[in-house]
Protein backbone atom coordinates (compact mmCIF):
# COMPACT_ATOMS: atom_id res chain seq x y z
CA MET A 1 0.00 0.00 0.00
CA VAL A 2 2.81 2.35 0.90
CA GLU A 3 4.61 1.39 -2.36
CA TRP A 4 1.48 2.19 -4.35
CA ILE A 5 1.18 5.60 -2.70
CA VAL A 6 4.86 6.32 -3.32
CA THR A 7 4.45 5.35 -6.96
CA ALA A 8 1.38 7.51 -7.35
CA GLY A 9 3.15 10.42 -5.79
CA VAL A 10 6.08 10.06 -8.18
CA ALA A 11 3.65 10.00 -11.10
CA VAL A 12 1.89 13.13 -9.96
CA VAL A 13 5.20 14.91 -9.55
CA GLY A 14 6.18 13.87 -13.12
CA ILE A 15 2.93 15.12 -14.56
CA ALA A 16 3.26 18.48 -12.86
CA SER A 17 6.81 18.82 -14.04
CA SER A 18 5.75 18.06 -17.64
CA ALA A 19 3.00 20.63 -17.52
CA VAL A 20 5.39 23.32 -16.38
CA CYS A 21 7.83 22.46 -19.16
CA PHE A 22 5.08 22.49 -21.83
CA LYS A 23 3.86 25.90 -20.74
CA ALA A 24 7.34 27.33 -20.82
CA GLY A 25 7.98 25.86 -24.34
CA TYR A 26 4.66 27.16 -25.66
CA LYS A 27 5.48 30.70 -24.51
CA ARG A 28 8.88 30.60 -26.21
CA ARG A 29 7.36 29.40 -29.54
CA GLN A 30 4.68 32.07 -29.37
CA THR A 31 7.24 34.76 -28.90
CA LYS A 32 9.33 33.47 -31.78
CA ALA A 33 6.31 33.25 -34.08
CA GLU A 34 5.28 36.80 -33.33
CA ALA A 35 8.81 37.97 -34.07
CA GLU A 36 8.80 36.11 -37.45
CA ILE A 37 5.37 37.55 -38.40
CA GLY A 38 6.56 41.07 -37.73
CA SER A 39 9.65 40.47 -39.83
CA ALA A 40 7.52 39.03 -42.75
CA GLU A 41 5.18 42.01 -42.69
CA ALA A 42 8.08 44.41 -42.84
CA GLU A 43 9.56 42.44 -45.81
CA ALA A 44 6.24 42.42 -47.61
CA LYS A 45 5.87 46.13 -47.16
CA ARG A 46 9.37 46.65 -48.55
CA ILE A 47 8.60 44.43 -51.59
CA ARG A 48 5.37 46.31 -52.27
CA GLU A 49 7.16 49.61 -52.21
CA GLU A 50 9.89 48.35 -54.57
CA GLY A 51 7.27 46.89 -56.98
CA ALA A 52 5.38 50.16 -57.08
CA LYS A 53 8.58 52.03 -57.84
CA ALA A 54 9.50 49.55 -60.65
CA ALA A 55 6.02 49.73 -62.18
CA GLU A 56 6.13 53.51 -62.16
CA THR A 57 9.55 53.41 -63.83
CA GLN A 58 8.34 50.98 -66.56
CA ARG A 59 5.24 53.09 -67.19
CA LYS A 60 7.36 56.17 -67.71
CA GLU A 61 9.73 54.30 -70.02
CA ALA A 62 6.80 52.88 -72.11
CA LEU A 63 5.24 56.29 -72.39
CA LEU A 64 8.54 57.78 -73.51
CA SER A 65 9.06 54.98 -76.09
CA ALA A 66 5.53 55.45 -77.49
CA LYS A 67 6.08 59.16 -77.85
CA GLU A 68 9.36 58.53 -79.72
CA GLU A 69 7.63 55.98 -82.07
CA ILE A 70 4.78 58.40 -82.81
CA LEU A 71 7.26 61.16 -83.57
CA LYS A 72 9.25 58.85 -85.85
CA GLN A 73 6.14 57.72 -87.81
CA ARG A 74 4.99 61.30 -88.09
CA ASN A 75 8.35 62.32 -89.57
CA GLU A 76 8.24 59.40 -92.06
CA ALA A 77 4.68 60.21 -93.10
CA GLU A 78 5.58 63.85 -93.65
CA LYS A 79 8.63 62.80 -95.69
CA GLU A 80 6.54 60.39 -97.87
CA LEU A 81 3.87 63.03 -98.36
CA LYS A 82 6.51 65.50 -99.41
CA GLU A 83 7.96 63.03 -101.95
CA ARG A 84 4.52 62.28 -103.39
CA ARG A 85 3.76 65.95 -103.74
CA SER A 86 7.08 66.37 -105.50
CA GLU A 87 6.29 63.46 -107.88
CA ILE A 88 2.84 64.87 -108.63
CA SER A 89 4.43 68.20 -109.41
CA ARG A 90 6.87 66.57 -111.82
CA MET A 91 4.08 64.66 -113.55
CA GLU A 92 2.03 67.81 -113.89
CA ARG A 93 4.99 69.56 -115.49
CA ARG A 94 5.51 66.62 -117.91
CA LEU A 95 1.84 66.54 -118.86
CA THR A 96 1.86 70.24 -119.45
CA GLN A 97 4.93 69.87 -121.66
CA LYS A 98 3.33 67.00 -123.64
CA GLU A 99 0.18 69.01 -124.20
CA GLU A 100 2.28 71.86 -125.53
CA ASN A 101 4.17 69.45 -127.84
CA LEU A 102 0.88 67.95 -129.08
CA ASP A 103 -0.49 71.34 -129.80
CA LYS A 104 2.62 72.15 -131.82
CA LYS A 105 2.41 68.85 -133.74
CA THR A 106 -1.28 69.41 -134.45
CA GLU A 107 -0.48 72.82 -135.86
CA ASN A 108 2.31 71.33 -138.03
CA LEU A 109 -0.01 68.57 -139.30
CA GLU A 110 -2.68 71.06 -140.21
CA LYS A 111 -0.11 73.08 -142.12
CA LYS A 112 1.14 69.94 -143.90
CA ASN A 113 -2.43 68.91 -144.77
CA GLU A 114 -3.01 72.29 -146.30
CA GLN A 115 0.20 71.91 -148.30
CA LEU A 116 -0.79 68.39 -149.40
CA ASP A 117 -4.22 69.53 -150.50
CA LYS A 118 -2.59 72.25 -152.51
CA LYS A 119 -0.14 69.78 -154.10
CA LEU A 120 -2.98 67.33 -154.86
CA LYS A 121 -4.85 70.00 -156.70
CA GLU A 122 -1.70 70.84 -158.64
CA ASN A 123 -1.16 67.14 -159.40
CA GLU A 124 -4.75 66.78 -160.63
CA GLU A 125 -4.19 69.68 -162.98
CA LEU A 126 -0.90 68.15 -164.16
CA ARG A 127 -2.58 64.76 -164.62
CA GLY A 128 -5.25 66.30 -166.77
CA GLN A 129 -2.60 68.02 -168.87
CA ILE A 130 -0.65 64.74 -169.15
CA GLU A 131 -3.78 62.87 -170.26
CA GLU A 132 -4.41 65.49 -172.92
CA LEU A 133 -0.80 65.24 -174.12
CA ARG A 134 -1.00 61.41 -174.07
CA ALA A 135 -4.18 61.45 -176.11
CA LYS A 136 -2.54 63.79 -178.64
CA GLU A 137 0.55 61.55 -178.71
CA MET A 138 -1.63 58.45 -179.29
CA VAL A 139 -3.33 60.18 -182.22
CA ILE A 140 0.04 61.17 -183.66
CA LEU A 141 1.47 57.65 -183.10
CA GLU A 142 -1.57 56.03 -184.72
CA GLU A 143 -1.18 58.35 -187.72
CA ILE A 144 2.55 57.57 -187.98
CA SER A 145 2.31 53.78 -187.43
CA GLY A 146 -0.92 53.23 -189.31
CA ILE A 147 -2.42 50.98 -186.57
CA SER A 148 -4.81 51.72 -183.71
CA ALA A 149 -4.02 51.55 -180.01
CA GLU A 150 -6.08 48.32 -179.61
CA GLU A 151 -4.15 46.68 -182.43
CA ALA A 152 -0.86 47.74 -180.88
CA LYS A 153 -2.00 46.37 -177.52
CA GLU A 154 -2.92 43.02 -179.08
CA GLU A 155 0.44 42.88 -180.81
CA LEU A 156 2.25 43.58 -177.57
CA LEU A 157 0.22 40.98 -175.68
CA SER A 158 0.89 38.45 -178.40
CA ARG A 159 4.63 39.05 -178.14
CA VAL A 160 4.54 38.84 -174.33
CA GLU A 161 2.47 35.64 -174.48
CA SER A 162 4.91 34.12 -176.96
CA ALA A 163 7.85 35.06 -174.75
CA ILE A 164 6.12 33.62 -171.66
CA LYS A 165 5.28 30.38 -173.48
CA HIS A 166 8.88 30.09 -174.61
CA GLU A 167 10.17 30.64 -171.09
CA LEU A 168 7.55 28.27 -169.61
CA ALA A 169 8.37 25.54 -172.12
CA GLN A 170 12.07 26.01 -171.45
CA ARG A 171 11.57 25.71 -167.70
CA MET A 172 9.34 22.68 -168.13
CA SER A 173 11.97 21.07 -170.32
CA ASP A 174 14.71 21.79 -167.78
CA LEU A 175 12.62 20.45 -164.88
CA GLU A 176 11.63 17.30 -166.77
CA ALA A 177 15.24 16.66 -167.71
CA GLN A 178 16.34 17.18 -164.11
CA PHE A 179 13.72 14.80 -162.73
CA LYS A 180 14.26 12.22 -165.44
CA GLU A 181 17.99 12.07 -164.76
CA GLU A 182 17.34 10.60 -161.31
CA ALA A 183 13.85 9.10 -161.46
CA ASP A 184 13.46 7.63 -164.93
CA THR A 185 16.24 5.09 -164.77
CA LYS A 186 15.40 3.96 -161.27
CA ALA A 187 11.66 3.73 -161.96
CA LYS A 188 12.20 1.70 -165.12
CA ASN A 189 14.59 -0.59 -163.29
CA ILE A 190 12.17 -1.19 -160.41
CA ILE A 191 9.16 -1.77 -162.66
CA SER A 192 11.03 -3.99 -165.11
CA LEU A 193 12.40 -6.12 -162.28
CA ALA A 194 8.92 -6.48 -160.81
CA ILE A 195 7.41 -7.46 -164.17
CA GLN A 196 10.21 -9.93 -164.92
CA ARG A 197 9.93 -11.58 -161.52
CA CYS A 198 6.14 -11.91 -161.66
CA ALA A 199 4.83 -13.59 -164.80
CA ALA A 200 1.32 -14.72 -163.87
CA ASP A 201 -0.98 -16.55 -166.27
CA HIS A 202 -4.21 -14.87 -167.24
CA VAL A 203 -7.36 -16.84 -167.90
CA ALA A 204 -10.23 -15.11 -169.67
CA GLU A 205 -13.65 -16.35 -168.71
CA SER A 206 -16.80 -15.73 -170.68
CA THR A 207 -20.42 -15.72 -169.60
CA VAL A 208 -21.06 -19.26 -170.86
CA SER A 209 -19.86 -22.74 -169.91
CA VAL A 210 -20.10 -25.92 -171.96
CA VAL A 211 -20.83 -29.33 -170.44
CA SER A 212 -19.97 -32.43 -172.52
CA LEU A 213 -22.52 -35.26 -172.75
CA PRO A 214 -21.76 -38.96 -173.16
CA ASN A 215 -24.46 -39.30 -175.85
CA GLU A 216 -27.38 -37.48 -177.46
CA ASP A 217 -29.96 -39.40 -175.42
CA MET A 218 -28.75 -37.62 -172.30
CA LYS A 219 -30.29 -34.35 -173.58
CA GLY A 220 -33.77 -35.82 -173.34
CA ARG A 221 -33.16 -37.12 -169.83
CA ILE A 222 -31.89 -33.71 -168.74
CA ILE A 223 -35.00 -32.03 -170.18
CA GLY A 224 -37.24 -34.60 -168.48
CA ARG A 225 -40.93 -35.27 -168.86
CA GLU A 226 -42.66 -32.03 -169.87
CA GLY A 227 -39.43 -30.19 -169.10
CA ARG A 228 -39.59 -30.78 -165.35
CA ASN A 229 -35.86 -31.52 -164.92
CA ILE A 230 -34.53 -28.55 -166.88
CA GLN A 231 -37.02 -26.22 -165.21
CA MET A 232 -35.91 -27.41 -161.77
CA LEU A 233 -32.24 -26.96 -162.71
CA GLU A 234 -32.79 -23.43 -163.99
CA LYS A 235 -34.94 -22.54 -160.98
CA LEU A 236 -32.43 -23.75 -158.38
CA THR A 237 -29.24 -22.49 -160.05
CA GLY A 238 -30.47 -19.31 -161.72
CA VAL A 239 -28.63 -20.32 -164.91
CA GLU A 240 -30.14 -20.82 -168.35
CA LEU A 241 -29.53 -24.22 -170.02
CA ILE A 242 -29.27 -23.97 -173.79
CA ILE A 243 -29.89 -27.29 -175.52
CA ASP A 244 -29.47 -26.90 -179.30
CA ASP A 245 -28.10 -28.86 -182.23
CA THR A 246 -24.56 -28.85 -180.84
CA PRO A 247 -23.64 -32.52 -180.71
CA GLU A 248 -23.12 -34.05 -177.26
CA ALA A 249 -22.93 -30.67 -175.47
CA ILE A 250 -25.11 -28.38 -173.38
CA THR A 251 -24.37 -24.67 -172.93
CA LEU A 252 -24.86 -22.96 -169.55
CA SER A 253 -25.49 -19.22 -169.81
CA GLY A 254 -25.43 -16.80 -166.87
CA PHE A 255 -23.77 -13.54 -165.86
CA ASP A 256 -22.87 -14.84 -162.38
CA PRO A 257 -19.82 -17.15 -162.63
CA VAL A 258 -20.50 -18.68 -159.19
CA ARG A 259 -24.00 -19.76 -160.16
CA ARG A 260 -22.69 -21.01 -163.50
CA GLU A 261 -20.05 -23.10 -161.72
CA ILE A 262 -22.67 -24.59 -159.37
CA ALA A 263 -24.84 -25.47 -162.37
CA ARG A 264 -21.88 -27.02 -164.22
CA GLN A 265 -20.87 -29.22 -161.27
CA THR A 266 -24.52 -30.18 -160.65
CA LEU A 267 -24.99 -31.22 -164.27
CA GLU A 268 -21.75 -33.21 -164.36
CA LYS A 269 -22.69 -35.05 -161.15
CA LEU A 270 -26.17 -35.86 -162.49
CA ILE A 271 -24.75 -37.11 -165.79
CA SER A 272 -22.18 -39.24 -163.93
CA ASP A 273 -24.81 -40.63 -161.54
CA GLY A 274 -27.47 -41.21 -164.18
CA ARG A 275 -30.39 -40.55 -161.83
CA ILE A 276 -32.00 -37.35 -163.04
CA HIS A 277 -35.26 -36.28 -161.41
CA PRO A 278 -36.37 -33.16 -159.46
CA THR A 279 -35.59 -34.52 -155.98
CA ARG A 280 -32.16 -35.75 -157.05
CA ILE A 281 -31.52 -32.43 -158.79
CA GLU A 282 -32.32 -30.53 -155.58
CA GLU A 283 -29.95 -32.71 -153.53
CA THR A 284 -27.18 -32.39 -156.11
CA VAL A 285 -27.53 -28.59 -156.34
CA GLU A 286 -27.24 -28.31 -152.56
CA LYS A 287 -24.15 -30.53 -152.56
CA ALA A 288 -22.55 -28.65 -155.45
CA THR A 289 -23.25 -25.32 -153.70
CA LYS A 290 -21.40 -26.48 -150.59
CA GLU A 291 -18.48 -27.74 -152.69
CA VAL A 292 -18.25 -24.47 -154.60
CA GLU A 293 -18.33 -22.47 -151.34
CA ALA A 294 -15.58 -24.69 -149.96
CA GLY A 295 -13.60 -24.18 -153.17
CA ILE A 296 -14.06 -20.42 -152.85
CA LYS A 297 -12.67 -20.50 -149.32
CA GLN A 298 -9.73 -22.67 -150.43
CA ALA A 299 -9.01 -20.30 -153.33
CA GLY A 300 -8.89 -17.35 -150.91
CA GLU A 301 -6.62 -19.22 -148.49
CA ARG A 302 -4.35 -20.28 -151.35
CA ALA A 303 -4.11 -16.67 -152.53
CA THR A 304 -3.04 -15.45 -149.08
CA PHE A 305 -0.53 -18.33 -148.89
CA ASP A 306 0.88 -17.55 -152.36
CA VAL A 307 1.62 -13.92 -151.48
CA GLY A 308 2.70 -14.69 -147.89
CA ILE A 309 0.09 -12.58 -146.10
CA HIS A 310 -1.50 -13.87 -142.90
CA GLY A 311 -3.94 -12.58 -140.30
CA ILE A 312 -6.67 -11.56 -142.77
CA HIS A 313 -10.21 -11.89 -141.44
CA PRO A 314 -11.87 -15.18 -142.57
CA GLU A 315 -14.71 -13.30 -144.23
CA LEU A 316 -12.23 -11.26 -146.30
CA VAL A 317 -10.48 -14.51 -147.24
CA ARG A 318 -13.81 -15.89 -148.46
CA MET A 319 -14.40 -12.68 -150.43
CA LEU A 320 -10.97 -13.12 -152.02
CA GLY A 321 -11.97 -16.61 -153.10
CA ARG A 322 -15.08 -15.19 -154.80
CA LEU A 323 -12.78 -13.09 -157.00
CA LYS A 324 -11.81 -16.37 -158.70
CA TYR A 325 -15.18 -16.14 -160.46
CA ARG A 326 -14.94 -12.44 -161.32
CA THR A 327 -13.43 -10.97 -164.47
CA SER A 328 -12.53 -7.43 -165.52
CA TYR A 329 -11.96 -6.78 -169.24
CA GLY A 330 -11.53 -10.55 -169.50
CA GLN A 331 -8.84 -10.60 -166.77
CA ASN A 332 -9.41 -12.92 -163.80
CA VAL A 333 -9.69 -10.59 -160.80
CA LEU A 334 -8.17 -13.03 -158.25
CA LYS A 335 -5.10 -13.64 -160.41
CA HIS A 336 -4.91 -9.91 -161.05
CA SER A 337 -5.05 -9.21 -157.28
CA ILE A 338 -2.30 -11.77 -156.59
CA GLU A 339 -0.15 -10.24 -159.32
CA VAL A 340 -0.71 -6.70 -158.02
CA SER A 341 0.22 -7.90 -154.52
CA LEU A 342 3.47 -9.48 -155.72
CA ILE A 343 4.43 -6.50 -157.90
CA ALA A 344 3.64 -4.04 -155.07
CA GLY A 345 5.75 -6.10 -152.64
CA MET A 346 8.73 -6.14 -155.01
CA ILE A 347 8.51 -2.40 -155.71
CA ALA A 348 8.27 -1.73 -151.95
CA ASP A 349 11.37 -3.89 -151.36
CA GLU A 350 13.29 -1.94 -154.00
CA LEU A 351 12.26 1.37 -152.39
CA GLY A 352 13.07 0.15 -148.87
CA ILE A 353 9.60 0.45 -147.32
CA ASP A 354 7.27 -2.04 -145.63
CA SER A 355 6.58 -4.68 -148.29
CA ALA A 356 4.11 -6.66 -146.11
CA THR A 357 1.70 -3.70 -145.98
CA ALA A 358 2.10 -3.06 -149.72
CA LYS A 359 1.39 -6.73 -150.53
CA ARG A 360 -1.62 -6.77 -148.21
CA ALA A 361 -3.06 -3.62 -149.81
CA GLY A 362 -2.36 -4.98 -153.30
CA LEU A 363 -4.15 -8.25 -152.53
CA LEU A 364 -7.23 -6.47 -151.13
CA HIS A 365 -7.38 -3.49 -153.55
CA ASP A 366 -10.20 -5.04 -155.67
CA ILE A 367 -12.00 -6.84 -152.82
CA GLY A 368 -15.11 -4.74 -153.51
CA LYS A 369 -15.61 -6.63 -156.79
CA ALA A 370 -16.52 -9.71 -154.75
CA GLN A 371 -19.78 -8.04 -153.70
CA THR A 372 -22.88 -8.90 -155.70
CA HIS A 373 -24.87 -6.50 -157.87
CA GLU A 374 -27.34 -6.11 -155.02
CA MET A 375 -24.84 -3.92 -153.14
CA GLU A 376 -24.90 -0.26 -154.17
CA GLY A 377 -21.73 1.72 -154.82
CA THR A 378 -18.50 1.40 -156.80
CA HIS A 379 -16.14 -1.48 -156.13
CA THR A 380 -13.76 1.05 -154.52
CA GLU A 381 -16.40 2.22 -152.04
CA LEU A 382 -17.49 -1.36 -151.29
CA GLY A 383 -13.86 -2.42 -150.77
CA VAL A 384 -13.24 0.46 -148.35
CA ASN A 385 -16.37 -0.46 -146.38
CA LEU A 386 -15.31 -4.12 -146.18
CA ALA A 387 -11.79 -3.20 -145.05
CA LYS A 388 -13.15 -0.89 -142.35
CA LYS A 389 -15.68 -3.51 -141.23
CA TYR A 390 -13.02 -6.16 -140.73
CA LYS A 391 -10.50 -3.83 -139.01
CA GLU A 392 -7.83 -3.45 -141.69
CA SER A 393 -5.18 -0.78 -141.08
CA ARG A 394 -5.71 2.83 -142.18
CA GLU A 395 -2.85 2.54 -144.68
CA VAL A 396 -4.46 -0.47 -146.39
CA ILE A 397 -7.87 1.25 -146.43
CA HIS A 398 -6.36 4.39 -147.98
CA ALA A 399 -4.55 2.33 -150.65
CA ILE A 400 -7.87 0.63 -151.61
CA GLU A 401 -9.58 4.04 -151.71
CA ALA A 402 -6.89 5.66 -153.88
CA HIS A 403 -5.98 2.86 -156.33
CA HIS A 404 -8.20 4.32 -159.09
CA GLY A 405 -7.44 7.96 -158.28
CA ASP A 406 -10.80 8.62 -156.59
CA VAL A 407 -8.79 10.37 -153.87
CA GLU A 408 -5.25 11.72 -153.95
CA PRO A 409 -2.69 9.15 -152.70
CA GLN A 410 -1.21 10.30 -149.39
CA THR A 411 1.16 7.39 -148.66
CA MET A 412 3.91 5.56 -150.52
CA THR A 413 1.90 2.33 -150.17
CA ALA A 414 -1.07 3.87 -152.00
CA VAL A 415 1.18 5.10 -154.82
CA ILE A 416 2.84 1.69 -155.14
CA VAL A 417 -0.52 -0.16 -155.27
CA GLN A 418 -1.76 2.30 -157.90
CA ALA A 419 1.36 1.69 -160.01
CA ALA A 420 1.20 -2.10 -159.56
CA ASP A 421 -2.48 -2.12 -160.58
CA ALA A 422 -1.67 -0.18 -163.75
CA ILE A 423 1.25 -2.51 -164.55
CA SER A 424 -0.88 -5.64 -164.15
CA ALA A 425 -3.70 -4.22 -166.25
CA ALA A 426 -1.37 -2.93 -168.96
CA ARG A 427 0.56 -6.19 -169.37
CA PRO A 428 0.18 -7.39 -173.00
CA GLY A 429 -2.67 -9.90 -173.21
CA ALA A 430 -3.86 -9.22 -169.68
CA ARG A 431 -7.14 -7.67 -170.71
CA ARG A 432 -9.41 -7.81 -173.68
CA GLU A 433 -12.33 -5.78 -174.88
CA ASP A 434 -14.83 -5.81 -177.68
CA LEU A 435 -13.38 -4.99 -181.08
CA GLU A 436 -15.96 -2.26 -181.59
CA ASN A 437 -15.06 -0.50 -178.32
CA TYR A 438 -11.37 -0.93 -179.08
CA ILE A 439 -11.71 0.72 -182.50
CA LYS A 440 -13.86 3.52 -181.07
CA ARG A 441 -11.26 4.23 -178.41
CA LEU A 442 -8.44 4.48 -180.98
CA GLU A 443 -10.55 6.74 -183.23
CA LYS A 444 -11.36 8.98 -180.27
CA ILE A 445 -7.69 9.31 -179.34
CA GLU A 446 -6.73 10.23 -182.91
CA GLU A 447 -9.62 12.69 -183.13
CA ILE A 448 -8.51 14.48 -179.96
CA ALA A 449 -4.92 14.68 -181.21
CA LYS A 450 -6.00 16.19 -184.57
CA SER A 451 -8.15 18.81 -182.85
CA PHE A 452 -5.07 20.80 -181.74
CA GLN A 453 -3.85 23.66 -183.92
CA GLY A 454 -0.68 22.91 -185.84
CA VAL A 455 -1.20 19.11 -185.91
CA ASP A 456 -0.78 17.57 -189.36
CA LYS A 457 -1.33 13.83 -188.74
CA ALA A 458 -1.99 11.55 -185.76
CA PHE A 459 -1.69 7.77 -185.51
CA ALA A 460 -2.64 5.51 -182.58
CA VAL A 461 -0.10 2.67 -182.36
CA GLN A 462 0.94 -0.05 -179.92
CA ALA A 463 -2.69 -1.16 -179.44
CA GLY A 464 -3.60 2.33 -178.27
CA ARG A 465 -0.72 2.60 -175.80
CA GLU A 466 0.97 5.34 -177.86
CA ILE A 467 -0.21 8.20 -180.06
CA ARG A 468 2.27 9.57 -182.62
CA VAL A 469 1.51 13.13 -183.70
CA MET A 470 3.13 14.90 -186.67
CA VAL A 471 3.07 18.68 -186.27
CA LYS A 472 3.53 21.36 -188.91
CA PRO A 473 7.05 22.80 -188.44
CA GLU A 474 6.05 26.24 -189.74
CA GLU A 475 3.28 26.59 -187.13
CA VAL A 476 4.69 24.79 -184.06
CA ASN A 477 8.20 25.38 -182.73
CA ASP A 478 10.18 23.15 -180.36
CA ASP A 479 8.98 24.99 -177.29
CA GLY A 480 5.34 24.83 -178.36
CA MET A 481 5.55 21.05 -178.70
CA LYS A 482 5.97 20.70 -174.93
CA LEU A 483 2.78 22.65 -174.24
CA ILE A 484 0.78 20.80 -176.91
CA ALA A 485 1.91 17.43 -175.55
CA ARG A 486 0.89 18.35 -172.02
CA GLU A 487 -2.49 19.79 -173.08
CA MET A 488 -3.16 16.78 -175.31
CA ALA A 489 -2.39 14.34 -172.47
CA ALA A 490 -4.75 16.23 -170.14
CA LYS A 491 -7.57 16.20 -172.71
CA ILE A 492 -7.18 12.47 -173.49
CA GLN A 493 -7.13 11.69 -169.77
CA GLU A 494 -10.32 13.69 -169.27
CA GLU A 495 -12.35 12.41 -172.24
CA VAL A 496 -11.20 8.81 -172.85
CA LYS A 497 -11.42 5.75 -170.60
CA TYR A 498 -8.55 3.32 -171.09
CA PRO A 499 -6.52 0.78 -169.07
CA GLY A 500 -2.93 1.65 -168.19
CA GLN A 501 -1.42 4.77 -169.75
CA ILE A 502 -0.96 6.35 -173.19
CA LYS A 503 2.31 7.83 -174.41
CA ILE A 504 2.01 11.15 -176.30
CA ASN A 505 4.81 11.28 -178.90
CA LEU A 506 5.04 14.57 -180.89
CA ILE A 507 7.29 14.68 -183.97
CA ARG A 508 8.43 17.87 -185.71
CA GLU A 509 10.37 17.47 -188.94
CA SER A 510 11.89 20.19 -191.12
CA ARG A 511 13.08 19.41 -194.65
CA ALA A 512 15.15 21.41 -197.12
CA VAL A 513 15.10 20.35 -200.81
CA ASP A 514 17.30 21.60 -203.61
CA TYR A 515 18.58 20.29 -206.95
CA ALA A 516 22.10 20.19 -208.36
CA LYS A 517 22.15 21.04 -212.07
């Protein structure tokens, strides 16, 4: 119990001691805090005073700087205004000076105009006097010379015209000689080589075909009871069968060679088979038609193979095969097309240009002739339409369009095809025509040649390929011959239709005769 009291007393003493110490410490901290607060307030006051002073200083400096900037801009503006006023003054002075100069020039021009008007009046008076003097001179000259002014004018014009013709003929002669020196030899060489290398056979087909019969009895079987067989044949083929007194032969007549070929093959098959009646005829015609169509296709393919051209549309190939049964002036058109293709290729090779295009254009140049009579238009127009339809090149289409001169050739290929076509058509024996038309053509050529003034005689020779003209030496000189030849060629070309070309050969001969006694 005593120990507990002692312990409690010690604890109480400790607590009292701690309270005294805490109170003493609290008073010291309070004093220190008050001292620090007073110091902070004094510092804050000092900072506020310094900030106010700095702000006042900056305000004064900014105000001073703004005043200086305003003064500077004012000075610059006054300087710029002064310069502009000075420039305006200079421009005003220049304008004033120009106005004065214009006024002076206007006055000078008015004076000059007055002088010109005065001179014009003087010139008019002088011109009138000159005209009077000229008229008097003309009267005097007419009296002296004995001819009128119109006659003198005609004489002068005649002399000038004669001199011009002489000079023109001389220049033409010089130009022709210059061109011939280089072109004639080379052209002849190229064309002759092409002709020599390509010697195609020409087969002339007529509008009739003859079918041989094994015996005379076969004619009756072909005619049939009441003519049923022959009527069926003519109906299905569109060809007329002529059965006359010709022994063991029947003539097939028709303008369409394809139909005529179908009829010929049909008749030969019927004769070989021996069974001739309407049903059999119908079957045979159908079979022959298919065989002929197949032959046409093969002919077109063979033509492209012969000239070495590939990639042609199958329909164009079939059209080429149809040319096997077309003729022009008796010339087989397919053989003619092959020949033109080969000649065009060789000429192109000699000239160093694309021979494949030339050969292709040459092969297709007459493709329009494969169209039937039901199609409207010339063979040139039809050929161009076919070539466009089946996507041929523009160069080939142009060559087809220009090969008869319907349009002006614009490419070397077109010119070559045109030349090759003329060469093939002009080859001796290539074409034929009726004797009557042939004679009329020669007479027309001679008539045109004799119509020119100064021509004495004219003869068409070389089957119409050349016209030899004898001129009167006293009326036509050497220079005039050139002009007559050119005019004669132009007139023949305009008025006469002919294959190939015609050479105009003028001959002037002077003779002197005397006798030794």
